[in-house]
Amino acid sequence: MIFKRTILSKMLSNGLKADVALVKEDDIFQAALYVGGRHIPGPALPQALDPPKGDITHWMGNRPSVGLSQVEAEKILREVTLENSVIQHRKLGY
């Protein structure tokens, strides 16, 4: 996993800082969650909560998981999609 940049940072209710980073793995970009500087395994993109809990509509990470708002999830998805579209564009030789 190659770290490119931090997409989003937020303070959790337990006082720890959560960062969602843009990382490259196996020639594709994805999001990775870090809590307190430690990588938390889990889905490579925000997952929808069903049903949402107030402003929290998405989550990332497994033990702990971090809740995300719709705006935060969209920002993460937009950044990952943009980076992958650049890779695809370069592969096609445009």
PDB file of N, CA and C in Angstrom:
ATOM      1  N   MET A   1       0.851  -1.169   0.000  1.00  0.00           N
ATOM      2  CA  MET A   1       0.000   0.000   0.000  1.00  0.00           C
ATOM      3  C   MET A   1       0.900   1.236   0.000  1.00  0.00           C
ATOM      4  N   ILE A   2       0.680   2.101  -0.974  1.00  0.00           N
ATOM      5  CA  ILE A   2       1.462   3.328  -1.094  1.00  0.00           C
ATOM      6  C   ILE A   2       0.568   4.514  -0.759  1.00  0.00           C
ATOM      7  N   PHE A   3       0.955   5.263   0.261  1.00  0.00           N
ATOM      8  CA  PHE A   3       0.211   6.435   0.715  1.00  0.00           C
ATOM      9  C   PHE A   3       0.422   7.573  -0.273  1.00  0.00           C
ATOM     10  N   LYS A   4      -0.682   8.222  -0.699  1.00  0.00           N
ATOM     11  CA  LYS A   4      -0.548   9.390  -1.562  1.00  0.00           C
ATOM     12  C   LYS A   4      -0.834  10.673  -0.793  1.00  0.00           C
ATOM     13  N   ARG A   5      -2.004  10.749  -0.135  1.00  0.00           N
ATOM     14  CA  ARG A   5      -2.335  11.947   0.649  1.00  0.00           C
ATOM     15  C   ARG A   5      -3.539  11.662   1.538  1.00  0.00           C
ATOM     16  N   THR A   6      -3.742  12.525   2.516  1.00  0.00           N
ATOM     17  CA  THR A   6      -4.896  12.437   3.391  1.00  0.00           C
ATOM     18  C   THR A   6      -6.070  13.137   2.721  1.00  0.00           C
ATOM     19  N   ILE A   7      -7.200  12.453   2.660  1.00  0.00           N
ATOM     20  CA  ILE A   7      -8.414  13.013   2.070  1.00  0.00           C
ATOM     21  C   ILE A   7      -9.237  13.742   3.128  1.00  0.00           C
ATOM     22  N   LEU A   8      -9.307  13.137   4.320  1.00  0.00           N
ATOM     23  CA  LEU A   8     -10.209  13.633   5.352  1.00  0.00           C
ATOM     24  C   LEU A   8      -9.640  13.320   6.728  1.00  0.00           C
ATOM     25  N   SER A   9      -9.769  14.255   7.651  1.00  0.00           N
ATOM     26  CA  SER A   9      -9.390  14.037   9.053  1.00  0.00           C
ATOM     27  C   SER A   9     -10.548  14.472   9.932  1.00  0.00           C
ATOM     28  N   LYS A  10     -10.769  13.720  11.019  1.00  0.00           N
ATOM     29  CA  LYS A  10     -11.813  14.106  11.965  1.00  0.00           C
ATOM     30  C   LYS A  10     -11.475  13.568  13.340  1.00  0.00           C
ATOM     31  N   MET A  11     -11.945  14.276  14.352  1.00  0.00           N
ATOM     32  CA  MET A  11     -11.761  13.828  15.725  1.00  0.00           C
ATOM     33  C   MET A  11     -12.949  12.956  16.109  1.00  0.00           C
ATOM     34  N   LEU A  12     -12.655  11.826  16.719  1.00  0.00           N
ATOM     35  CA  LEU A  12     -13.692  10.904  17.149  1.00  0.00           C
ATOM     36  C   LEU A  12     -14.141  11.242  18.562  1.00  0.00           C
ATOM     37  N   SER A  13     -15.273  10.717  18.956  1.00  0.00           N
ATOM     38  CA  SER A  13     -15.810  11.005  20.285  1.00  0.00           C
ATOM     39  C   SER A  13     -14.903  10.498  21.404  1.00  0.00           C
ATOM     40  N   ASN A  14     -14.039   9.508  21.101  1.00  0.00           N
ATOM     41  CA  ASN A  14     -13.117   8.982  22.108  1.00  0.00           C
ATOM     42  C   ASN A  14     -11.806   9.779  22.172  1.00  0.00           C
ATOM     43  N   GLY A  15     -11.714  10.871  21.392  1.00  0.00           N
ATOM     44  CA  GLY A  15     -10.540  11.732  21.418  1.00  0.00           C
ATOM     45  C   GLY A  15      -9.450  11.364  20.434  1.00  0.00           C
ATOM     46  N   LEU A  16      -9.589  10.245  19.746  1.00  0.00           N
ATOM     47  CA  LEU A  16      -8.597   9.846  18.749  1.00  0.00           C
ATOM     48  C   LEU A  16      -8.874  10.543  17.421  1.00  0.00           C
ATOM     49  N   LYS A  17      -7.816  10.725  16.652  1.00  0.00           N
ATOM     50  CA  LYS A  17      -7.950  11.333  15.334  1.00  0.00           C
ATOM     51  C   LYS A  17      -8.090  10.230  14.292  1.00  0.00           C
ATOM     52  N   ALA A  18      -9.079  10.369  13.418  1.00  0.00           N
ATOM     53  CA  ALA A  18      -9.276   9.437  12.308  1.00  0.00           C
ATOM     54  C   ALA A  18      -8.892  10.147  11.018  1.00  0.00           C
ATOM     55  N   ASP A  19      -8.101   9.472  10.209  1.00  0.00           N
ATOM     56  CA  ASP A  19      -7.709   9.988   8.899  1.00  0.00           C
ATOM     57  C   ASP A  19      -8.121   8.982   7.843  1.00  0.00           C
ATOM     58  N   VAL A  20      -8.680   9.485   6.758  1.00  0.00           N
ATOM     59  CA  VAL A  20      -8.949   8.659   5.590  1.00  0.00           C
ATOM     60  C   VAL A  20      -7.948   9.105   4.537  1.00  0.00           C
ATOM     61  N   ALA A  21      -7.137   8.156   4.077  1.00  0.00           N
ATOM     62  CA  ALA A  21      -6.064   8.463   3.141  1.00  0.00           C
ATOM     63  C   ALA A  21      -6.344   7.862   1.773  1.00  0.00           C
ATOM     64  N   LEU A  22      -5.808   8.501   0.763  1.00  0.00           N
ATOM     65  CA  LEU A  22      -5.817   7.968  -0.588  1.00  0.00           C
ATOM     66  C   LEU A  22      -4.559   7.126  -0.721  1.00  0.00           C
ATOM     67  N   VAL A  23      -4.736   5.845  -1.011  1.00  0.00           N
ATOM     68  CA  VAL A  23      -3.599   4.933  -1.127  1.00  0.00           C
ATOM     69  C   VAL A  23      -3.694   4.172  -2.435  1.00  0.00           C
ATOM     70  N   LYS A  24      -2.536   3.721  -2.908  1.00  0.00           N
ATOM     71  CA  LYS A  24      -2.489   2.936  -4.144  1.00  0.00           C
ATOM     72  C   LYS A  24      -2.073   1.520  -3.789  1.00  0.00           C
ATOM     73  N   GLU A  25      -2.860   0.566  -4.277  1.00  0.00           N
ATOM     74  CA  GLU A  25      -2.558  -0.839  -4.048  1.00  0.00           C
ATOM     75  C   GLU A  25      -2.950  -1.611  -5.306  1.00  0.00           C
ATOM     76  N   ASP A  26      -2.022  -2.414  -5.808  1.00  0.00           N
ATOM     77  CA  ASP A  26      -2.279  -3.211  -7.012  1.00  0.00           C
ATOM     78  C   ASP A  26      -2.754  -2.352  -8.178  1.00  0.00           C
ATOM     79  N   ASP A  27      -2.087  -1.241  -8.417  1.00  0.00           N
ATOM     80  CA  ASP A  27      -2.364  -0.337  -9.539  1.00  0.00           C
ATOM     81  C   ASP A  27      -3.723   0.348  -9.514  1.00  0.00           C
ATOM     82  N   ILE A  28      -4.403   0.355  -8.368  1.00  0.00           N
ATOM     83  CA  ILE A  28      -5.634   1.133  -8.253  1.00  0.00           C
ATOM     84  C   ILE A  28      -5.592   1.933  -6.955  1.00  0.00           C
ATOM     85  N   PHE A  29      -6.299   3.046  -6.968  1.00  0.00           N
ATOM     86  CA  PHE A  29      -6.403   3.860  -5.766  1.00  0.00           C
ATOM     87  C   PHE A  29      -7.634   3.451  -4.987  1.00  0.00           C
ATOM     88  N   GLN A  30      -7.525   3.543  -3.681  1.00  0.00           N
ATOM     89  CA  GLN A  30      -8.635   3.267  -2.774  1.00  0.00           C
ATOM     90  C   GLN A  30      -8.441   4.113  -1.530  1.00  0.00           C
ATOM     91  N   ALA A  31      -9.398   4.055  -0.643  1.00  0.00           N
ATOM     92  CA  ALA A  31      -9.310   4.789   0.618  1.00  0.00           C
ATOM     93  C   ALA A  31      -8.875   3.825   1.719  1.00  0.00           C
ATOM     94  N   ALA A  32      -8.094   4.337   2.657  1.00  0.00           N
ATOM     95  CA  ALA A  32      -7.662   3.549   3.813  1.00  0.00           C
ATOM     96  C   ALA A  32      -7.911   4.373   5.068  1.00  0.00           C
ATOM     97  N   LEU A  33      -8.391   3.704   6.103  1.00  0.00           N
ATOM     98  CA  LEU A  33      -8.702   4.370   7.364  1.00  0.00           C
ATOM     99  C   LEU A  33      -7.562   4.182   8.357  1.00  0.00           C
ATOM    100  N   TYR A  34      -7.190   5.277   9.016  1.00  0.00           N
ATOM    101  CA  TYR A  34      -6.191   5.253  10.082  1.00  0.00           C
ATOM    102  C   TYR A  34      -6.824   5.903  11.314  1.00  0.00           C
ATOM    103  N   VAL A  35      -6.729   5.255  12.452  1.00  0.00           N
ATOM    104  CA  VAL A  35      -7.216   5.812  13.715  1.00  0.00           C
ATOM    105  C   VAL A  35      -6.041   5.853  14.676  1.00  0.00           C
ATOM    106  N   GLY A  36      -5.750   7.051  15.174  1.00  0.00           N
ATOM    107  CA  GLY A  36      -4.610   7.212  16.067  1.00  0.00           C
ATOM    108  C   GLY A  36      -3.301   6.821  15.392  1.00  0.00           C
ATOM    109  N   GLY A  37      -3.218   7.004  14.063  1.00  0.00           N
ATOM    110  CA  GLY A  37      -2.012   6.680  13.307  1.00  0.00           C
ATOM    111  C   GLY A  37      -1.867   5.221  12.923  1.00  0.00           C
ATOM    112  N   ARG A  38      -2.817   4.380  13.324  1.00  0.00           N
ATOM    113  CA  ARG A  38      -2.748   2.945  13.045  1.00  0.00           C
ATOM    114  C   ARG A  38      -3.753   2.580  11.956  1.00  0.00           C
ATOM    115  N   HIS A  39      -3.315   1.821  10.950  1.00  0.00           N
ATOM    116  CA  HIS A  39      -4.214   1.389   9.869  1.00  0.00           C
ATOM    117  C   HIS A  39      -5.286   0.453  10.418  1.00  0.00           C
ATOM    118  N   ILE A  40      -6.525   0.720  10.045  1.00  0.00           N
ATOM    119  CA  ILE A  40      -7.657  -0.110  10.442  1.00  0.00           C
ATOM    120  C   ILE A  40      -8.160  -0.839   9.199  1.00  0.00           C
ATOM    121  N   PRO A  41      -8.085  -2.167   9.179  1.00  0.00           N
ATOM    122  CA  PRO A  41      -8.567  -2.889   8.002  1.00  0.00           C
ATOM    123  C   PRO A  41     -10.072  -2.714   7.830  1.00  0.00           C
ATOM    124  N   GLY A  42     -10.516  -2.878   6.613  1.00  0.00           N
ATOM    125  CA  GLY A  42     -11.944  -2.759   6.332  1.00  0.00           C
ATOM    126  C   GLY A  42     -12.167  -2.460   4.871  1.00  0.00           C
ATOM    127  N   PRO A  43     -13.376  -2.052   4.535  1.00  0.00           N
ATOM    128  CA  PRO A  43     -13.697  -1.790   3.127  1.00  0.00           C
ATOM    129  C   PRO A  43     -12.844  -0.657   2.559  1.00  0.00           C
ATOM    130  N   ALA A  44     -12.558  -0.761   1.259  1.00  0.00           N
ATOM    131  CA  ALA A  44     -11.699   0.216   0.589  1.00  0.00           C
ATOM    132  C   ALA A  44     -12.427   1.503   0.228  1.00  0.00           C
ATOM    133  N   LEU A  45     -13.731   1.527   0.412  1.00  0.00           N
ATOM    134  CA  LEU A  45     -14.550   2.715   0.167  1.00  0.00           C
ATOM    135  C   LEU A  45     -15.623   2.793   1.252  1.00  0.00           C
ATOM    136  N   PRO A  46     -16.176   3.985   1.491  1.00  0.00           N
ATOM    137  CA  PRO A  46     -17.249   4.100   2.482  1.00  0.00           C
ATOM    138  C   PRO A  46     -18.429   3.191   2.133  1.00  0.00           C
ATOM    139  N   GLN A  47     -19.005   2.573   3.146  1.00  0.00           N
ATOM    140  CA  GLN A  47     -20.158   1.688   2.978  1.00  0.00           C
ATOM    141  C   GLN A  47     -21.388   2.372   3.566  1.00  0.00           C
ATOM    142  N   ALA A  48     -22.520   2.245   2.885  1.00  0.00           N
ATOM    143  CA  ALA A  48     -23.756   2.871   3.351  1.00  0.00           C
ATOM    144  C   ALA A  48     -24.266   2.185   4.609  1.00  0.00           C
ATOM    145  N   LEU A  49     -24.735   2.994   5.554  1.00  0.00           N
ATOM    146  CA  LEU A  49     -25.401   2.475   6.750  1.00  0.00           C
ATOM    147  C   LEU A  49     -26.880   2.287   6.429  1.00  0.00           C
ATOM    148  N   ASP A  50     -27.428   1.167   6.809  1.00  0.00           N
ATOM    149  CA  ASP A  50     -28.838   0.912   6.540  1.00  0.00           C
ATOM    150  C   ASP A  50     -29.514   0.408   7.799  1.00  0.00           C
ATOM    151  N   PRO A  51     -30.237   1.241   8.505  1.00  0.00           N
ATOM    152  CA  PRO A  51     -30.599   2.621   8.201  1.00  0.00           C
ATOM    153  C   PRO A  51     -29.543   3.601   8.719  1.00  0.00           C
ATOM    154  N   PRO A  52     -29.508   4.821   8.159  1.00  0.00           N
ATOM    155  CA  PRO A  52     -28.596   5.853   8.670  1.00  0.00           C
ATOM    156  C   PRO A  52     -28.925   6.192  10.112  1.00  0.00           C
ATOM    157  N   LYS A  53     -27.918   6.683  10.824  1.00  0.00           N
ATOM    158  CA  LYS A  53     -28.101   7.104  12.221  1.00  0.00           C
ATOM    159  C   LYS A  53     -27.885   8.609  12.302  1.00  0.00           C
ATOM    160  N   GLY A  54     -28.960   9.354  12.127  1.00  0.00           N
ATOM    161  CA  GLY A  54     -28.861  10.814  12.131  1.00  0.00           C
ATOM    162  C   GLY A  54     -28.069  11.292  10.935  1.00  0.00           C
ATOM    163  N   ASP A  55     -27.012  12.063  11.203  1.00  0.00           N
ATOM    164  CA  ASP A  55     -26.163  12.585  10.128  1.00  0.00           C
ATOM    165  C   ASP A  55     -25.187  11.539   9.604  1.00  0.00           C
ATOM    166  N   ILE A  56     -25.039  10.437  10.294  1.00  0.00           N
ATOM    167  CA  ILE A  56     -24.097   9.388   9.895  1.00  0.00           C
ATOM    168  C   ILE A  56     -24.790   8.471   8.891  1.00  0.00           C
ATOM    169  N   THR A  57     -24.280   8.483   7.655  1.00  0.00           N
ATOM    170  CA  THR A  57     -24.897   7.704   6.579  1.00  0.00           C
ATOM    171  C   THR A  57     -23.993   6.594   6.046  1.00  0.00           C
ATOM    172  N   HIS A  58     -22.700   6.656   6.374  1.00  0.00           N
ATOM    173  CA  HIS A  58     -21.724   5.696   5.871  1.00  0.00           C
ATOM    174  C   HIS A  58     -20.749   5.314   6.984  1.00  0.00           C
ATOM    175  N   TRP A  59     -19.972   4.280   6.739  1.00  0.00           N
ATOM    176  CA  TRP A  59     -18.958   3.849   7.698  1.00  0.00           C
ATOM    177  C   TRP A  59     -17.759   3.288   6.959  1.00  0.00           C
ATOM    178  N   MET A  60     -16.634   3.259   7.656  1.00  0.00           N
ATOM    179  CA  MET A  60     -15.406   2.607   7.182  1.00  0.00           C
ATOM    180  C   MET A  60     -14.745   1.961   8.380  1.00  0.00           C
ATOM    181  N   GLY A  61     -13.964   0.905   8.136  1.00  0.00           N
ATOM    182  CA  GLY A  61     -13.180   0.261   9.177  1.00  0.00           C
ATOM    183  C   GLY A  61     -13.911  -0.862   9.882  1.00  0.00           C
ATOM    184  N   ASN A  62     -13.129  -1.772  10.396  1.00  0.00           N
ATOM    185  CA  ASN A  62     -13.650  -2.881  11.197  1.00  0.00           C
ATOM    186  C   ASN A  62     -12.910  -2.876  12.521  1.00  0.00           C
ATOM    187  N   ARG A  63     -13.619  -2.644  13.577  1.00  0.00           N
ATOM    188  CA  ARG A  63     -13.066  -2.645  14.937  1.00  0.00           C
ATOM    189  C   ARG A  63     -11.848  -1.745  15.084  1.00  0.00           C
ATOM    190  N   PRO A  64     -11.951  -0.491  15.232  1.00  0.00           N
ATOM    191  CA  PRO A  64     -13.204   0.253  15.293  1.00  0.00           C
ATOM    192  C   PRO A  64     -13.685   0.647  13.897  1.00  0.00           C
ATOM    193  N   SER A  65     -14.958   0.927  13.805  1.00  0.00           N
ATOM    194  CA  SER A  65     -15.484   1.511  12.577  1.00  0.00           C
ATOM    195  C   SER A  65     -15.752   2.989  12.854  1.00  0.00           C
ATOM    196  N   VAL A  66     -15.691   3.771  11.811  1.00  0.00           N
ATOM    197  CA  VAL A  66     -15.855   5.220  11.933  1.00  0.00           C
ATOM    198  C   VAL A  66     -17.046   5.628  11.090  1.00  0.00           C
ATOM    199  N   GLY A  67     -17.967   6.377  11.694  1.00  0.00           N
ATOM    200  CA  GLY A  67     -19.129   6.877  10.972  1.00  0.00           C
ATOM    201  C   GLY A  67     -18.779   8.098  10.148  1.00  0.00           C
ATOM    202  N   LEU A  68     -19.398   8.194   8.982  1.00  0.00           N
ATOM    203  CA  LEU A  68     -19.156   9.300   8.062  1.00  0.00           C
ATOM    204  C   LEU A  68     -20.485   9.914   7.634  1.00  0.00           C
ATOM    205  N   SER A  69     -20.470  11.214   7.418  1.00  0.00           N
ATOM    206  CA  SER A  69     -21.651  11.892   6.889  1.00  0.00           C
ATOM    207  C   SER A  69     -21.717  11.676   5.380  1.00  0.00           C
ATOM    208  N   GLN A  70     -22.831  12.027   4.787  1.00  0.00           N
ATOM    209  CA  GLN A  70     -22.992  11.925   3.332  1.00  0.00           C
ATOM    210  C   GLN A  70     -21.930  12.762   2.624  1.00  0.00           C
ATOM    211  N   VAL A  71     -21.688  13.969   3.123  1.00  0.00           N
ATOM    212  CA  VAL A  71     -20.695  14.868   2.515  1.00  0.00           C
ATOM    213  C   VAL A  71     -19.295  14.253   2.592  1.00  0.00           C
ATOM    214  N   GLU A  72     -18.932  13.688   3.740  1.00  0.00           N
ATOM    215  CA  GLU A  72     -17.611  13.069   3.898  1.00  0.00           C
ATOM    216  C   GLU A  72     -17.467  11.862   2.979  1.00  0.00           C
ATOM    217  N   ALA A  73     -18.493  11.027   2.905  1.00  0.00           N
ATOM    218  CA  ALA A  73     -18.446   9.844   2.038  1.00  0.00           C
ATOM    219  C   ALA A  73     -18.315  10.253   0.573  1.00  0.00           C
ATOM    220  N   GLU A  74     -19.072  11.251   0.157  1.00  0.00           N
ATOM    221  CA  GLU A  74     -18.994  11.714  -1.231  1.00  0.00           C
ATOM    222  C   GLU A  74     -17.615  12.276  -1.560  1.00  0.00           C
ATOM    223  N   LYS A  75     -17.004  12.979  -0.621  1.00  0.00           N
ATOM    224  CA  LYS A  75     -15.657  13.527  -0.842  1.00  0.00           C
ATOM    225  C   LYS A  75     -14.660  12.390  -1.047  1.00  0.00           C
ATOM    226  N   ILE A  76     -14.724  11.367  -0.226  1.00  0.00           N
ATOM    227  CA  ILE A  76     -13.822  10.222  -0.345  1.00  0.00           C
ATOM    228  C   ILE A  76     -14.031   9.526  -1.685  1.00  0.00           C
ATOM    229  N   LEU A  77     -15.276   9.240  -2.023  1.00  0.00           N
ATOM    230  CA  LEU A  77     -15.582   8.572  -3.288  1.00  0.00           C
ATOM    231  C   LEU A  77     -15.124   9.401  -4.483  1.00  0.00           C
ATOM    232  N   ARG A  78     -15.323  10.708  -4.430  1.00  0.00           N
ATOM    233  CA  ARG A  78     -14.914  11.600  -5.521  1.00  0.00           C
ATOM    234  C   ARG A  78     -13.396  11.575  -5.718  1.00  0.00           C
ATOM    235  N   GLU A  79     -12.650  11.645  -4.627  1.00  0.00           N
ATOM    236  CA  GLU A  79     -11.181  11.644  -4.717  1.00  0.00           C
ATOM    237  C   GLU A  79     -10.654  10.322  -5.276  1.00  0.00           C
ATOM    238  N   VAL A  80     -11.196   9.202  -4.802  1.00  0.00           N
ATOM    239  CA  VAL A  80     -10.751   7.888  -5.285  1.00  0.00           C
ATOM    240  C   VAL A  80     -11.102   7.723  -6.767  1.00  0.00           C
ATOM    241  N   THR A  81     -12.313   8.111  -7.137  1.00  0.00           N
ATOM    242  CA  THR A  81     -12.748   8.005  -8.534  1.00  0.00           C
ATOM    243  C   THR A  81     -11.884   8.859  -9.446  1.00  0.00           C
ATOM    244  N   LEU A  82     -11.575  10.073  -9.016  1.00  0.00           N
ATOM    245  CA  LEU A  82     -10.739  10.970  -9.814  1.00  0.00           C
ATOM    246  C   LEU A  82      -9.361  10.372 -10.061  1.00  0.00           C
ATOM    247  N   GLU A  83      -8.713   9.883  -9.019  1.00  0.00           N
ATOM    248  CA  GLU A  83      -7.374   9.299  -9.177  1.00  0.00           C
ATOM    249  C   GLU A  83      -7.404   8.076 -10.090  1.00  0.00           C
ATOM    250  N   ASN A  84      -8.420   7.238  -9.958  1.00  0.00           N
ATOM    251  CA  ASN A  84      -8.511   6.051 -10.811  1.00  0.00           C
ATOM    252  C   ASN A  84      -8.813   6.422 -12.255  1.00  0.00           C
ATOM    253  N   SER A  85      -9.559   7.503 -12.474  1.00  0.00           N
ATOM    254  CA  SER A  85      -9.827   7.935 -13.847  1.00  0.00           C
ATOM    255  C   SER A  85      -8.555   8.450 -14.514  1.00  0.00           C
ATOM    256  N   VAL A  86      -7.668   9.070 -13.740  1.00  0.00           N
ATOM    257  CA  VAL A  86      -6.384   9.531 -14.287  1.00  0.00           C
ATOM    258  C   VAL A  86      -5.541   8.328 -14.715  1.00  0.00           C
ATOM    259  N   ILE A  87      -5.506   7.297 -13.891  1.00  0.00           N
ATOM    260  CA  ILE A  87      -4.756   6.082 -14.238  1.00  0.00           C
ATOM    261  C   ILE A  87      -5.329   5.464 -15.510  1.00  0.00           C
ATOM    262  N   GLN A  88      -6.647   5.356 -15.585  1.00  0.00           N
ATOM    263  CA  GLN A  88      -7.293   4.778 -16.762  1.00  0.00           C
ATOM    264  C   GLN A  88      -6.982   5.596 -18.004  1.00  0.00           C
ATOM    265  N   HIS A  89      -7.012   6.906 -17.868  1.00  0.00           N
ATOM    266  CA  HIS A  89      -6.710   7.813 -18.983  1.00  0.00           C
ATOM    267  C   HIS A  89      -5.280   7.576 -19.488  1.00  0.00           C
ATOM    268  N   ARG A  90      -4.343   7.414 -18.570  1.00  0.00           N
ATOM    269  CA  ARG A  90      -2.948   7.181 -18.960  1.00  0.00           C
ATOM    270  C   ARG A  90      -2.769   5.823 -19.618  1.00  0.00           C
ATOM    271  N   LYS A  91      -3.480   4.806 -19.132  1.00  0.00           N
ATOM    272  CA  LYS A  91      -3.389   3.472 -19.724  1.00  0.00           C
ATOM    273  C   LYS A  91      -3.894   3.448 -21.161  1.00  0.00           C
ATOM    274  N   LEU A  92      -4.896   4.285 -21.441  1.00  0.00           N
ATOM    275  CA  LEU A  92      -5.462   4.335 -22.783  1.00  0.00           C
ATOM    276  C   LEU A  92      -4.627   5.196 -23.732  1.00  0.00           C
ATOM    277  N   GLY A  93      -3.629   5.905 -23.170  1.00  0.00           N
ATOM    278  CA  GLY A  93      -2.700   6.677 -23.984  1.00  0.00           C
ATOM    279  C   GLY A  93      -3.216   8.000 -24.479  1.00  0.00           C
ATOM    280  N   TYR A  94      -4.163   8.609 -23.755  1.00  0.00           N
ATOM    281  CA  TYR A  94      -4.662   9.915 -24.172  1.00  0.00           C
ATOM    282  C   TYR A  94      -3.758  11.014 -23.727  1.00  0.00           C
TER     283      TYR A  94
END
